[in-house]
Amino acid sequence: MRIPLLFGAGVALATAACTPSTPPAPPPLTDLTRNSGAARAPEQMAVTFEHADLGIRVDPVRHWIEGDARLTFGVTAPLRRIVLDLDRNLPIDRVEVDGKALASATWRNPDGRLSIDLPRPLEKGARTTVRVVYHGSPHTAVHAPWDGGFVWTKAPNGMPWVATAVEGEGCDLFWPCIDHPMGRPQVVDEHITVPAPLVAVGNGVAMGMDEAEGRRTYHWRSHDVSTYGVALNIGPYRELSASYRSRFGNVVPLHYWYVDDESQAKALFAEFPAMLDYLESAVGPYPFGGEKMGVAETPFKGMEHQTINAYGNAYAKNVYGYDDLLQHELSHEWFGNQVTNANWDDMWLHEAFATYMQPLYAGSLGGSQAYFASLMQLRARIDNKHPIVSGKPRREEDVYDDTRGGPGQDIYNKGALMLHTLRGLIGDEAFFRATRELVYGTDHPVPGQFAPRYATTKDFIDIVNRVTGRDMRWFFDVYLYQAALPELKVTREGQQLHLAWQVPGKGPFPLPVEVRIGDNVVTLPMTAGQGEVALPPGATFTVDPASKLLRRDPAIEAFQAYTRKHKAPKAS
């Protein structure tokens, strides 16, 4: 998640909580390394990534890492070389295949795509382990998580505080990987070596810690980790821990690692169970209950690192009474980590659902007023510059950057309002069933009996069609594949009220519309995109009185224009 604008207000507070050191000038990145999610090489598509065993030694003083990656692949098609993604600015010291060192002439990495010639061709069904030993100063993020890399700073007590955030640029900024949403390894072992007494927190389950010669090596193990979800968190951490008994019968370990302010840390930690319970009730079992729900305080705003979400929201509370950054990142354990977009073009599946969980959660705490107020915040931010889905493969930044034709923040705000409209159209039972099937592949998920999965926009549309028994492509064609919102034209002629949908693409749009006439509400089916209703003499009327519909609103457009015109200039 590149933090949506909804969370922008707390950035200054989060920054003030730490004392940054001056980072070195970031090395230039190639276009391939700068943009996560480029098309996979044929060799990358000819393997299954079974195991990433990562040894990473971190020197916070030199802003330096030494990496030793052992990567095991199952071969699914004849293979002559292994192809990985790794920033070329991390020099490679040694490459081995199945324990045998290779001559330097057998591997090359000119642009961040490391190609390794195998000693002999491998046939389908074979297995091989590649070892890559490397070192260097990894790319430094200047304004994480909006740009990716390492964050090198100091905690309030003056000790080193280091964290990674690499969603936009990808895992190849610090370990050799397949930098594509479908490149997630089945098992990841992290061996993170840091100067004592620092603590290193990673994904999954803590397997132990060894200390020798002034250094500590922390071992973490996780399963089916999203590529950008592999994370390092290093600092003078203190830990809060507890257990959460799920409504599904299993027990989930809860952990929060923080660097300062124990009282606020405890208050945030107290929010964990309620957030978990709501998401489990709305969607289904917490996906990684066999590992942990973990959060690490970080010197940047936040990121959905699998089982170890980054948190740097300065313990802010919103008007609805909860920490929206914490809740949003936790939602990504379902939407992003359990179900992962098969291509970045489908990233709304991560962000729209995770964003919609916030009005839903606000409503569970504060009722309808909180739900609709939260939705209105999102509605005011919709841009409608480009379609949410292009229908073609995209890199991550191609989606986030509207100057490249991407939908930008609309994958959050417009996507969430689209889901609100869909829910009103098909009803709660169908909506939440379709959501569960998207996330788990089944309507009856049982803890321990499902695994992370990939999905596309088409997959979700097919699920909605099957669950509702209706062809809903007309709905998604407008809201996802067109930039402009549908417009509802309302005209009054004498005692008759006429309504007509105008949609981009001029296709069918039979979205029903409610009209309140006096004290009565009537529903117009809008079968051919049009409808009419009689108005008694002197009657007043309100179109869409329950605010179910995402549609063009000239009042909001006027507000947005006013805001742009009067926006305060940035300080130099």
Protein backbone atom coordinates (compact mmCIF):
# COMPACT_ATOMS: atom_id res chain seq x y z
CA MET A 1 0.00 0.00 0.00
CA ARG A 2 1.28 3.44 -0.93
CA ILE A 3 -0.51 5.27 1.88
CA PRO A 4 -3.71 6.92 0.58
CA LEU A 5 -4.30 10.61 1.08
CA LEU A 6 -6.69 9.81 3.92
CA PHE A 7 -3.65 9.20 6.10
CA GLY A 8 -1.60 12.21 5.01
CA ALA A 9 -2.25 14.40 8.05
CA GLY A 10 -0.08 12.37 10.41
CA VAL A 11 3.13 12.40 8.38
CA ALA A 12 4.72 15.31 10.21
CA LEU A 13 3.93 13.77 13.58
CA ALA A 14 5.37 10.42 12.55
CA THR A 15 8.54 12.08 11.27
CA ALA A 16 8.95 14.08 14.43
CA ALA A 17 8.95 10.91 16.51
CA CYS A 18 12.48 10.01 15.33
CA THR A 19 15.74 11.77 14.65
CA PRO A 20 16.80 11.06 11.06
CA SER A 21 20.41 10.78 10.08
CA THR A 22 21.52 12.17 6.72
CA PRO A 23 21.28 9.31 4.21
CA PRO A 24 23.84 8.89 1.47
CA ALA A 25 22.81 9.90 -2.01
CA PRO A 26 20.76 7.02 -3.44
CA PRO A 27 22.52 5.13 -6.24
CA PRO A 28 20.82 5.33 -9.62
CA LEU A 29 18.37 2.53 -10.26
CA THR A 30 17.70 1.02 -13.64
CA ASP A 31 14.20 1.26 -15.04
CA LEU A 32 13.74 -2.45 -14.35
CA THR A 33 14.71 -2.10 -10.69
CA ARG A 34 12.79 1.13 -10.18
CA ASN A 35 9.53 -0.44 -11.34
CA SER A 36 8.26 -3.55 -9.63
CA GLY A 37 6.20 -5.98 -11.64
CA ALA A 38 7.83 -5.98 -15.06
CA ALA A 39 6.95 -8.98 -17.22
CA ARG A 40 8.62 -12.13 -15.94
CA ALA A 41 11.34 -13.69 -18.05
CA PRO A 42 10.43 -17.08 -19.57
CA GLU A 43 12.91 -18.72 -17.18
CA GLN A 44 11.12 -17.18 -14.21
CA MET A 45 7.86 -18.64 -15.42
CA ALA A 46 9.46 -22.08 -15.76
CA VAL A 47 10.05 -22.52 -12.02
CA THR A 48 8.16 -22.66 -8.75
CA PHE A 49 9.85 -20.71 -5.98
CA GLU A 50 9.98 -23.25 -3.17
CA HIS A 51 12.30 -21.72 -0.60
CA ALA A 52 14.16 -18.45 0.00
CA ASP A 53 16.77 -18.87 2.75
CA LEU A 54 18.07 -15.35 3.30
CA GLY A 55 21.04 -14.39 5.42
CA ILE A 56 21.33 -10.60 5.70
CA ARG A 57 23.91 -8.87 7.86
CA VAL A 58 23.04 -5.22 8.46
CA ASP A 59 25.55 -2.53 9.42
CA PRO A 60 23.52 0.52 10.53
CA VAL A 61 26.60 2.74 10.82
CA ARG A 62 27.87 2.17 7.28
CA HIS A 63 24.37 1.80 5.78
CA TRP A 64 25.59 -1.51 4.44
CA ILE A 65 24.33 -5.05 4.01
CA GLU A 66 25.98 -8.40 3.31
CA GLY A 67 23.62 -10.94 1.82
CA ASP A 68 23.76 -14.70 1.41
CA ALA A 69 20.68 -16.04 -0.37
CA ARG A 70 20.00 -19.73 -0.99
CA LEU A 71 17.05 -20.06 -3.34
CA THR A 72 15.42 -23.39 -4.16
CA PHE A 73 13.31 -23.84 -7.27
CA GLY A 74 11.22 -26.63 -8.70
CA VAL A 75 11.53 -26.83 -12.48
CA THR A 76 8.29 -26.92 -14.47
CA ALA A 77 9.76 -26.72 -18.00
CA PRO A 78 13.20 -27.41 -19.54
CA LEU A 79 15.65 -24.83 -18.18
CA ARG A 80 19.15 -23.69 -19.14
CA ARG A 81 19.49 -20.70 -16.83
CA ILE A 82 18.08 -19.20 -13.65
CA VAL A 83 16.90 -15.60 -13.91
CA LEU A 84 16.48 -13.44 -10.81
CA ASP A 85 15.89 -9.77 -10.06
CA LEU A 86 18.51 -7.93 -8.00
CA ASP A 87 19.60 -4.30 -7.95
CA ARG A 88 22.82 -4.11 -9.97
CA ASN A 89 24.20 -1.69 -7.36
CA LEU A 90 24.62 -4.64 -4.97
CA PRO A 91 27.83 -6.30 -6.24
CA ILE A 92 27.80 -10.10 -6.39
CA ASP A 93 30.69 -11.93 -4.73
CA ARG A 94 29.81 -15.53 -5.43
CA VAL A 95 27.24 -17.68 -7.20
CA GLU A 96 26.76 -21.39 -6.58
CA VAL A 97 24.40 -23.95 -8.10
CA ASP A 98 23.68 -27.00 -5.98
CA GLY A 99 26.78 -26.37 -3.88
CA LYS A 100 29.24 -25.83 -6.76
CA ALA A 101 30.76 -22.39 -7.35
CA LEU A 102 30.37 -20.93 -10.82
CA ALA A 103 32.91 -18.94 -12.77
CA SER A 104 32.03 -15.23 -12.92
CA ALA A 105 31.64 -15.49 -16.70
CA THR A 106 28.56 -17.68 -16.21
CA TRP A 107 26.42 -14.96 -14.63
CA ARG A 108 25.66 -11.35 -15.50
CA ASN A 109 23.51 -8.53 -14.09
CA PRO A 110 23.72 -5.44 -16.32
CA ASP A 111 20.30 -3.95 -15.63
CA GLY A 112 19.00 -5.61 -12.47
CA ARG A 113 17.96 -8.91 -14.05
CA LEU A 114 20.52 -11.47 -12.92
CA SER A 115 21.00 -14.31 -15.43
CA ILE A 116 22.85 -17.44 -14.25
CA ASP A 117 23.88 -20.15 -16.72
CA LEU A 118 23.28 -23.57 -15.22
CA PRO A 119 26.14 -26.09 -15.32
CA ARG A 120 23.78 -28.43 -17.17
CA PRO A 121 20.24 -28.14 -18.53
CA LEU A 122 17.45 -29.16 -16.17
CA GLU A 123 14.33 -31.05 -17.18
CA LYS A 124 10.82 -30.68 -15.90
CA GLY A 125 10.52 -32.14 -12.40
CA ALA A 126 14.08 -31.30 -11.37
CA ARG A 127 14.99 -29.17 -8.38
CA THR A 128 17.91 -26.82 -7.95
CA THR A 129 19.30 -24.51 -5.27
CA VAL A 130 21.08 -21.33 -6.28
CA ARG A 131 23.25 -19.42 -3.84
CA VAL A 132 23.96 -15.72 -4.38
CA VAL A 133 26.40 -13.91 -2.09
CA TYR A 134 26.37 -10.13 -2.43
CA HIS A 135 27.05 -6.92 -0.57
CA GLY A 136 26.74 -3.15 -0.76
CA SER A 137 24.85 -0.06 0.26
CA PRO A 138 21.20 -0.74 -0.59
CA HIS A 139 19.01 1.93 -2.08
CA THR A 140 17.89 4.47 0.52
CA ALA A 141 14.30 5.66 0.61
CA VAL A 142 14.00 9.42 0.81
CA HIS A 143 10.30 9.54 1.68
CA ALA A 144 9.21 6.02 2.53
CA PRO A 145 6.85 4.40 1.85
CA TRP A 146 6.04 6.67 -1.10
CA ASP A 147 9.44 5.74 -2.47
CA GLY A 148 11.12 2.47 -1.60
CA GLY A 149 14.33 1.27 0.00
CA PHE A 150 16.02 1.20 3.37
CA VAL A 151 15.26 3.80 6.02
CA TRP A 152 18.32 4.50 8.20
CA THR A 153 17.63 6.67 11.22
CA LYS A 154 17.88 6.73 15.01
CA ALA A 155 15.32 5.92 17.64
CA PRO A 156 14.48 8.51 20.31
CA ASN A 157 17.16 6.96 22.58
CA GLY A 158 19.81 7.53 19.90
CA MET A 159 20.24 3.91 18.88
CA PRO A 160 20.02 2.79 15.22
CA TRP A 161 16.56 2.28 13.81
CA VAL A 162 16.36 0.62 10.39
CA ALA A 163 13.44 -0.62 8.30
CA THR A 164 12.60 -1.55 4.71
CA ALA A 165 9.68 -0.52 2.51
CA VAL A 166 9.90 -1.69 -1.09
CA GLU A 167 6.40 -1.97 -2.56
CA GLY A 168 6.94 0.33 -5.54
CA GLU A 169 10.46 -0.76 -6.43
CA GLY A 170 10.27 -4.34 -5.22
CA CYS A 171 12.06 -7.06 -3.31
CA ASP A 172 15.10 -6.82 -5.60
CA LEU A 173 16.27 -3.73 -3.69
CA PHE A 174 17.79 -5.99 -1.04
CA TRP A 175 17.49 -9.66 -1.96
CA PRO A 176 17.54 -11.71 -5.19
CA CYS A 177 13.95 -12.58 -6.01
CA ILE A 178 11.34 -12.79 -8.74
CA ASP A 179 10.02 -9.26 -8.52
CA HIS A 180 6.48 -9.86 -9.67
CA PRO A 181 3.27 -10.39 -7.68
CA MET A 182 3.27 -14.05 -8.74
CA GLY A 183 6.86 -14.56 -7.59
CA ARG A 184 6.12 -15.24 -3.92
CA PRO A 185 8.21 -18.05 -2.33
CA GLN A 186 6.50 -20.93 -0.59
CA VAL A 187 8.80 -20.63 2.44
CA VAL A 188 11.04 -17.77 3.55
CA ASP A 189 13.72 -18.05 6.22
CA GLU A 190 15.27 -14.77 7.33
CA HIS A 191 18.53 -14.79 9.27
CA ILE A 192 19.03 -11.13 10.19
CA THR A 193 22.34 -10.26 11.81
CA VAL A 194 22.60 -6.94 13.67
CA PRO A 195 24.83 -5.35 16.31
CA ALA A 196 23.83 -6.25 19.86
CA PRO A 197 21.69 -5.21 21.67
CA LEU A 198 19.49 -4.34 18.68
CA VAL A 199 16.45 -6.47 17.91
CA ALA A 200 15.61 -7.65 14.38
CA VAL A 201 11.98 -8.48 13.64
CA GLY A 202 10.87 -10.31 10.51
CA ASN A 203 8.00 -12.19 8.93
CA GLY A 204 6.30 -15.21 10.40
CA VAL A 205 7.46 -17.15 13.45
CA ALA A 206 10.52 -16.50 15.59
CA MET A 207 12.77 -19.56 15.34
CA GLY A 208 15.48 -18.36 17.68
CA MET A 209 18.32 -15.89 18.25
CA ASP A 210 22.08 -16.51 18.46
CA GLU A 211 24.53 -14.00 19.91
CA ALA A 212 28.30 -14.00 19.40
CA GLU A 213 31.09 -11.45 19.08
CA GLY A 214 28.83 -8.50 19.70
CA ARG A 215 26.25 -9.49 17.10
CA ARG A 216 22.84 -11.09 17.19
CA THR A 217 21.30 -13.24 14.46
CA TYR A 218 17.52 -13.50 14.53
CA HIS A 219 15.84 -16.32 12.62
CA TRP A 220 12.31 -15.88 11.29
CA ARG A 221 10.30 -18.31 9.16
CA SER A 222 7.18 -17.57 7.12
CA HIS A 223 5.14 -19.18 4.37
CA ASP A 224 3.80 -17.92 1.04
CA VAL A 225 5.00 -14.39 1.63
CA SER A 226 4.12 -11.65 -0.84
CA THR A 227 7.30 -10.46 -2.53
CA TYR A 228 7.25 -6.90 -1.22
CA GLY A 229 5.92 -8.18 2.09
CA VAL A 230 9.33 -9.58 3.12
CA ALA A 231 10.66 -6.99 5.55
CA LEU A 232 13.45 -6.09 7.94
CA ASN A 233 12.76 -4.12 11.12
CA ILE A 234 15.76 -3.35 13.31
CA GLY A 235 15.96 -1.21 16.41
CA PRO A 236 15.99 -1.05 20.20
CA TYR A 237 12.61 -2.74 20.23
CA ARG A 238 10.54 -3.61 23.24
CA GLU A 239 7.73 -6.10 22.82
CA LEU A 240 4.11 -6.46 23.84
CA SER A 241 2.51 -9.86 23.35
CA ALA A 242 -0.80 -11.58 24.01
CA SER A 243 -3.11 -14.20 22.53
CA TYR A 244 -6.34 -13.66 20.66
CA ARG A 245 -8.98 -16.40 20.71
CA SER A 246 -10.64 -16.29 17.33
CA ARG A 247 -14.35 -16.75 16.75
CA PHE A 248 -13.23 -19.65 14.52
CA GLY A 249 -11.72 -21.55 17.46
CA ASN A 250 -8.00 -21.03 16.87
CA VAL A 251 -5.63 -18.86 18.91
CA VAL A 252 -3.62 -16.15 17.17
CA PRO A 253 -0.39 -14.79 18.74
CA LEU A 254 -0.37 -10.97 18.95
CA HIS A 255 2.88 -8.99 19.00
CA TYR A 256 3.79 -5.33 18.88
CA TRP A 257 7.41 -4.17 18.77
CA TYR A 258 7.86 -0.51 19.67
CA VAL A 259 10.80 1.82 20.35
CA ASP A 260 9.31 4.46 22.62
CA ASP A 261 6.34 5.53 24.74
CA GLU A 262 5.10 2.42 26.46
CA SER A 263 1.75 3.92 27.46
CA GLN A 264 0.79 4.78 23.89
CA ALA A 265 2.14 1.45 22.69
CA LYS A 266 -0.14 -0.35 25.13
CA ALA A 267 -3.12 1.73 24.02
CA LEU A 268 -2.48 0.81 20.38
CA PHE A 269 -1.96 -2.84 21.28
CA ALA A 270 -5.34 -2.81 23.00
CA GLU A 271 -6.94 -2.09 19.61
CA PHE A 272 -5.65 -5.31 18.05
CA PRO A 273 -8.35 -7.74 19.26
CA ALA A 274 -11.33 -5.58 18.28
CA MET A 275 -9.94 -4.95 14.80
CA LEU A 276 -9.19 -8.62 14.31
CA ASP A 277 -12.62 -9.68 15.48
CA TYR A 278 -14.38 -7.24 13.18
CA LEU A 279 -12.42 -8.34 10.11
CA GLU A 280 -12.95 -11.99 10.98
CA SER A 281 -16.69 -11.39 11.35
CA ALA A 282 -16.94 -9.46 8.08
CA VAL A 283 -14.56 -11.49 5.91
CA GLY A 284 -13.34 -14.68 7.57
CA PRO A 285 -10.47 -16.19 9.57
CA TYR A 286 -7.29 -14.19 10.02
CA PRO A 287 -5.15 -15.70 7.25
CA PHE A 288 -1.91 -16.16 9.19
CA GLY A 289 -3.12 -17.36 12.56
CA GLY A 290 -0.50 -20.13 12.56
CA GLU A 291 2.22 -17.49 12.53
CA LYS A 292 1.21 -14.19 14.15
CA MET A 293 -0.50 -10.87 13.90
CA GLY A 294 2.57 -8.72 14.21
CA VAL A 295 3.20 -4.98 14.04
CA ALA A 296 6.52 -3.16 14.23
CA GLU A 297 6.87 0.54 14.89
CA THR A 298 8.78 2.02 11.96
CA PRO A 299 10.36 5.38 11.08
CA PHE A 300 7.95 5.73 8.17
CA LYS A 301 4.17 5.82 7.88
CA GLY A 302 3.24 2.19 7.24
CA MET A 303 3.12 -0.83 4.94
CA GLU A 304 1.36 -4.20 4.81
CA HIS A 305 4.39 -6.40 5.43
CA GLN A 306 2.98 -9.88 5.89
CA THR A 307 2.53 -10.78 9.60
CA ILE A 308 4.72 -7.80 10.56
CA ASN A 309 2.87 -4.69 9.43
CA ALA A 310 4.86 -1.46 9.53
CA TYR A 311 3.34 1.21 11.76
CA GLY A 312 4.49 4.84 12.02
CA ASN A 313 1.27 6.75 12.59
CA ALA A 314 2.37 8.53 15.78
CA TYR A 315 -0.52 6.86 17.65
CA ALA A 316 -3.06 9.09 15.93
CA LYS A 317 -6.77 8.58 16.50
CA ASN A 318 -9.36 9.55 13.95
CA VAL A 319 -12.75 11.05 14.67
CA TYR A 320 -14.29 7.55 14.66
CA GLY A 321 -12.21 6.45 17.63
CA TYR A 322 -9.60 4.13 16.14
CA ASP A 323 -6.18 4.22 14.47
CA ASP A 324 -7.03 4.15 10.76
CA LEU A 325 -3.47 3.36 9.63
CA LEU A 326 -3.32 0.28 11.85
CA GLN A 327 -6.73 -0.90 10.67
CA HIS A 328 -5.95 -0.34 7.00
CA GLU A 329 -2.67 -2.25 7.13
CA LEU A 330 -4.30 -5.07 9.08
CA SER A 331 -7.00 -5.33 6.40
CA HIS A 332 -4.24 -5.96 3.89
CA GLU A 333 -3.50 -9.30 5.56
CA TRP A 334 -6.73 -10.41 3.86
CA PHE A 335 -6.57 -8.13 0.81
CA GLY A 336 -3.02 -8.17 -0.51
CA ASN A 337 -1.34 -10.94 1.47
CA GLN A 338 -3.98 -13.70 1.55
CA VAL A 339 -5.38 -12.79 -1.86
CA THR A 340 -2.78 -11.15 -4.10
CA ASN A 341 -3.34 -9.44 -7.42
CA ALA A 342 -1.97 -11.60 -10.22
CA ASN A 343 -0.81 -8.42 -11.91
CA TRP A 344 -0.48 -4.87 -10.62
CA ASP A 345 -3.28 -3.83 -12.99
CA ASP A 346 -5.61 -5.59 -10.54
CA MET A 347 -4.27 -3.73 -7.51
CA TRP A 348 -7.67 -2.31 -6.66
CA LEU A 349 -8.38 -5.76 -5.24
CA HIS A 350 -5.88 -4.89 -2.50
CA GLU A 351 -6.63 -1.25 -1.95
CA ALA A 352 -10.35 -0.84 -2.62
CA PHE A 353 -11.29 -3.66 -0.27
CA ALA A 354 -8.82 -2.60 2.43
CA THR A 355 -10.12 0.97 2.16
CA TYR A 356 -13.77 -0.10 2.28
CA MET A 357 -13.07 -1.99 5.49
CA GLN A 358 -12.58 1.40 7.18
CA PRO A 359 -16.10 2.82 6.73
CA LEU A 360 -17.41 -0.62 7.64
CA TYR A 361 -15.33 -0.66 10.82
CA ALA A 362 -16.25 2.93 11.64
CA GLY A 363 -19.90 1.97 11.23
CA SER A 364 -19.48 -0.99 13.57
CA LEU A 365 -18.16 1.39 16.22
CA GLY A 366 -20.28 4.48 15.65
CA GLY A 367 -23.29 3.48 13.59
CA SER A 368 -24.59 4.80 10.29
CA GLN A 369 -23.40 8.35 10.86
CA ALA A 370 -19.80 7.18 11.15
CA TYR A 371 -20.15 4.86 8.14
CA PHE A 372 -21.47 7.54 5.81
CA ALA A 373 -19.16 10.24 7.12
CA SER A 374 -16.19 8.00 6.40
CA LEU A 375 -17.53 7.28 2.91
CA MET A 376 -17.97 10.99 2.26
CA GLN A 377 -14.30 11.60 3.02
CA LEU A 378 -13.42 9.07 0.35
CA ARG A 379 -15.98 10.42 -2.12
CA ALA A 380 -14.46 13.89 -2.01
CA ARG A 381 -11.11 12.51 -3.15
CA ILE A 382 -12.15 10.64 -6.30
CA ASP A 383 -10.33 11.95 -9.39
CA ASN A 384 -11.79 9.99 -12.35
CA LYS A 385 -8.76 10.76 -14.52
CA HIS A 386 -8.14 7.21 -15.69
CA PRO A 387 -9.92 3.84 -15.39
CA ILE A 388 -9.18 1.76 -12.30
CA VAL A 389 -8.36 -1.24 -14.52
CA SER A 390 -6.67 -0.97 -17.91
CA GLY A 391 -7.07 -4.60 -18.93
CA LYS A 392 -3.37 -5.02 -19.71
CA PRO A 393 -0.32 -5.95 -17.61
CA ARG A 394 1.12 -3.08 -15.61
CA ARG A 395 4.02 -2.36 -13.31
CA GLU A 396 3.28 -1.10 -9.83
CA GLU A 397 4.23 2.53 -10.48
CA ASP A 398 2.21 2.52 -13.72
CA VAL A 399 -0.85 2.07 -11.53
CA TYR A 400 0.04 4.60 -8.83
CA ASP A 401 1.28 7.37 -11.11
CA ASP A 402 -1.58 9.16 -12.88
CA THR A 403 0.91 10.93 -15.15
CA ARG A 404 1.57 7.49 -16.64
CA GLY A 405 -2.13 6.91 -17.18
CA GLY A 406 -2.65 5.08 -13.92
CA PRO A 407 -5.70 5.42 -11.67
CA GLY A 408 -3.60 6.62 -8.72
CA GLN A 409 -5.61 7.16 -5.55
CA ASP A 410 -8.81 6.01 -7.24
CA ILE A 411 -7.85 2.39 -6.55
CA TYR A 412 -8.54 3.32 -2.90
CA ASN A 413 -11.33 5.88 -2.92
CA LYS A 414 -13.32 5.17 -6.07
CA GLY A 415 -12.82 1.45 -5.59
CA ALA A 416 -14.23 1.59 -2.05
CA LEU A 417 -17.29 3.61 -3.16
CA MET A 418 -17.82 1.17 -6.03
CA LEU A 419 -17.89 -1.67 -3.49
CA HIS A 420 -20.39 0.28 -1.39
CA THR A 421 -22.62 0.61 -4.45
CA LEU A 422 -22.20 -3.07 -5.33
CA ARG A 423 -23.16 -4.08 -1.79
CA GLY A 424 -26.31 -1.96 -1.99
CA LEU A 425 -27.19 -3.53 -5.32
CA ILE A 426 -26.69 -7.23 -4.55
CA GLY A 427 -27.25 -7.21 -0.78
CA ASP A 428 -25.07 -8.08 2.19
CA GLU A 429 -25.32 -11.86 1.89
CA ALA A 430 -24.13 -11.96 -1.73
CA PHE A 431 -21.57 -9.20 -1.26
CA PHE A 432 -19.78 -10.76 1.69
CA ARG A 433 -19.99 -14.24 0.21
CA ALA A 434 -18.34 -12.98 -2.98
CA THR A 435 -15.70 -11.25 -0.86
CA ARG A 436 -14.94 -14.45 1.05
CA GLU A 437 -14.68 -16.47 -2.15
CA LEU A 438 -12.29 -13.89 -3.57
CA VAL A 439 -10.10 -14.04 -0.47
CA TYR A 440 -10.14 -17.76 0.30
CA GLY A 441 -11.46 -19.49 -2.81
CA THR A 442 -14.34 -20.84 -0.72
CA ASP A 443 -17.35 -19.51 1.17
CA HIS A 444 -16.51 -21.70 4.18
CA PRO A 445 -12.88 -21.03 5.12
CA VAL A 446 -11.46 -22.99 8.03
CA PRO A 447 -8.25 -21.92 9.79
CA GLY A 448 -5.33 -24.03 8.63
CA GLN A 449 -7.19 -25.34 5.57
CA PHE A 450 -6.52 -22.56 3.05
CA ALA A 451 -3.44 -20.91 1.57
CA PRO A 452 -2.68 -17.54 -0.03
CA ARG A 453 -3.96 -17.28 -3.58
CA TYR A 454 -3.85 -15.05 -6.64
CA ALA A 455 -6.82 -13.32 -8.24
CA THR A 456 -7.68 -10.99 -11.10
CA THR A 457 -10.45 -8.51 -11.75
CA LYS A 458 -12.10 -11.08 -14.02
CA ASP A 459 -12.01 -13.63 -11.20
CA PHE A 460 -13.97 -11.30 -8.94
CA ILE A 461 -16.50 -10.46 -11.64
CA ASP A 462 -17.00 -14.18 -12.31
CA ILE A 463 -17.54 -14.79 -8.58
CA VAL A 464 -20.13 -12.01 -8.34
CA ASN A 465 -21.93 -13.35 -11.42
CA ARG A 466 -22.05 -16.84 -9.98
CA VAL A 467 -23.08 -15.79 -6.47
CA THR A 468 -25.86 -13.48 -7.71
CA GLY A 469 -26.93 -15.60 -10.65
CA ARG A 470 -26.81 -12.47 -12.80
CA ASP A 471 -24.51 -11.10 -15.47
CA MET A 472 -22.98 -8.07 -13.73
CA ARG A 473 -20.42 -7.17 -16.36
CA TRP A 474 -22.31 -3.95 -17.18
CA PHE A 475 -21.67 -2.74 -13.63
CA PHE A 476 -17.94 -3.39 -13.65
CA ASP A 477 -17.50 -2.22 -17.24
CA VAL A 478 -18.52 1.27 -16.14
CA TYR A 479 -17.00 1.52 -12.68
CA LEU A 480 -13.69 -0.25 -13.34
CA TYR A 481 -12.96 0.05 -17.05
CA GLN A 482 -14.15 3.62 -17.65
CA ALA A 483 -12.69 6.80 -16.15
CA ALA A 484 -15.85 8.88 -15.82
CA LEU A 485 -18.59 8.14 -13.32
CA PRO A 486 -22.12 7.32 -14.44
CA GLU A 487 -24.33 10.40 -14.45
CA LEU A 488 -27.98 10.35 -13.40
CA LYS A 489 -30.03 12.90 -15.30
CA VAL A 490 -33.13 13.98 -13.35
CA THR A 491 -35.83 16.12 -14.98
CA ARG A 492 -39.27 17.12 -13.80
CA GLU A 493 -42.10 17.63 -16.27
CA GLY A 494 -45.29 18.66 -14.55
CA GLN A 495 -46.29 15.86 -12.23
CA GLN A 496 -43.78 13.39 -13.67
CA LEU A 497 -40.14 12.79 -12.64
CA HIS A 498 -37.87 11.33 -15.32
CA LEU A 499 -34.54 9.67 -14.57
CA ALA A 500 -31.95 8.47 -17.09
CA TRP A 501 -28.45 7.09 -16.68
CA GLN A 502 -25.70 8.41 -18.93
CA VAL A 503 -22.59 6.24 -18.83
CA PRO A 504 -19.22 6.33 -20.54
CA GLY A 505 -19.05 3.76 -23.29
CA LYS A 506 -22.80 4.08 -23.81
CA GLY A 507 -23.42 0.48 -22.77
CA PRO A 508 -26.33 -0.84 -20.69
CA PHE A 509 -26.56 0.37 -17.10
CA PRO A 510 -29.67 -0.97 -15.37
CA LEU A 511 -28.73 0.26 -11.88
CA PRO A 512 -31.90 0.71 -9.82
CA VAL A 513 -32.54 4.09 -8.22
CA GLU A 514 -34.55 4.83 -5.10
CA VAL A 515 -36.63 8.01 -4.94
CA ARG A 516 -38.25 9.33 -1.79
CA ILE A 517 -41.51 11.13 -2.49
CA GLY A 518 -42.87 12.69 0.63
CA ASP A 519 -42.66 9.93 3.22
CA ASN A 520 -42.58 7.05 0.72
CA VAL A 521 -39.59 5.47 -1.03
CA VAL A 522 -40.07 3.89 -4.44
CA THR A 523 -37.48 1.90 -6.38
CA LEU A 524 -37.15 2.46 -10.10
CA PRO A 525 -35.64 -0.64 -11.76
CA MET A 526 -34.08 1.46 -14.56
CA THR A 527 -34.21 -1.65 -16.77
CA ALA A 528 -33.21 0.21 -19.93
CA GLY A 529 -31.26 2.82 -18.01
CA GLN A 530 -34.38 4.97 -17.63
CA GLY A 531 -37.32 5.32 -15.29
CA GLU A 532 -40.08 7.66 -14.26
CA VAL A 533 -42.41 8.16 -11.35
CA ALA A 534 -45.47 10.30 -10.71
CA LEU A 535 -45.21 13.24 -8.33
CA PRO A 536 -48.36 14.24 -6.43
CA PRO A 537 -49.11 17.96 -6.43
CA GLY A 538 -46.84 19.79 -3.99
CA ALA A 539 -44.75 16.70 -3.25
CA THR A 540 -41.04 16.98 -2.50
CA PHE A 541 -38.59 14.32 -3.64
CA THR A 542 -35.06 13.10 -2.94
CA VAL A 543 -33.14 10.91 -5.37
CA ASP A 544 -31.06 8.15 -3.75
CA PRO A 545 -32.08 9.08 -0.18
CA ALA A 546 -29.98 6.28 1.36
CA SER A 547 -26.84 7.34 -0.57
CA LYS A 548 -26.36 3.95 -2.18
CA LEU A 549 -25.08 5.14 -5.56
CA LEU A 550 -21.66 6.26 -6.73
CA ARG A 551 -22.43 8.75 -9.48
CA ARG A 552 -21.25 12.03 -10.86
CA ASP A 553 -21.91 14.90 -8.46
CA PRO A 554 -21.41 18.49 -9.69
CA ALA A 555 -21.35 19.73 -6.10
CA ILE A 556 -18.34 17.56 -5.31
CA GLU A 557 -16.65 18.63 -8.52
CA ALA A 558 -17.15 22.28 -7.52
CA PHE A 559 -15.72 21.55 -4.07
CA GLN A 560 -12.68 19.85 -5.61
CA ALA A 561 -12.12 22.79 -7.96
CA TYR A 562 -12.34 25.22 -5.06
CA THR A 563 -9.91 23.13 -3.02
CA ARG A 564 -7.38 23.02 -5.85
CA LYS A 565 -7.64 26.76 -6.39
CA HIS A 566 -7.13 27.61 -2.73
CA LYS A 567 -4.67 24.88 -1.85
CA ALA A 568 -1.87 26.30 0.26
CA PRO A 569 1.48 26.32 -1.58
CA LYS A 570 4.11 23.91 -0.32
CA ALA A 571 6.77 25.42 1.87
CA SER A 572 10.12 25.71 0.11
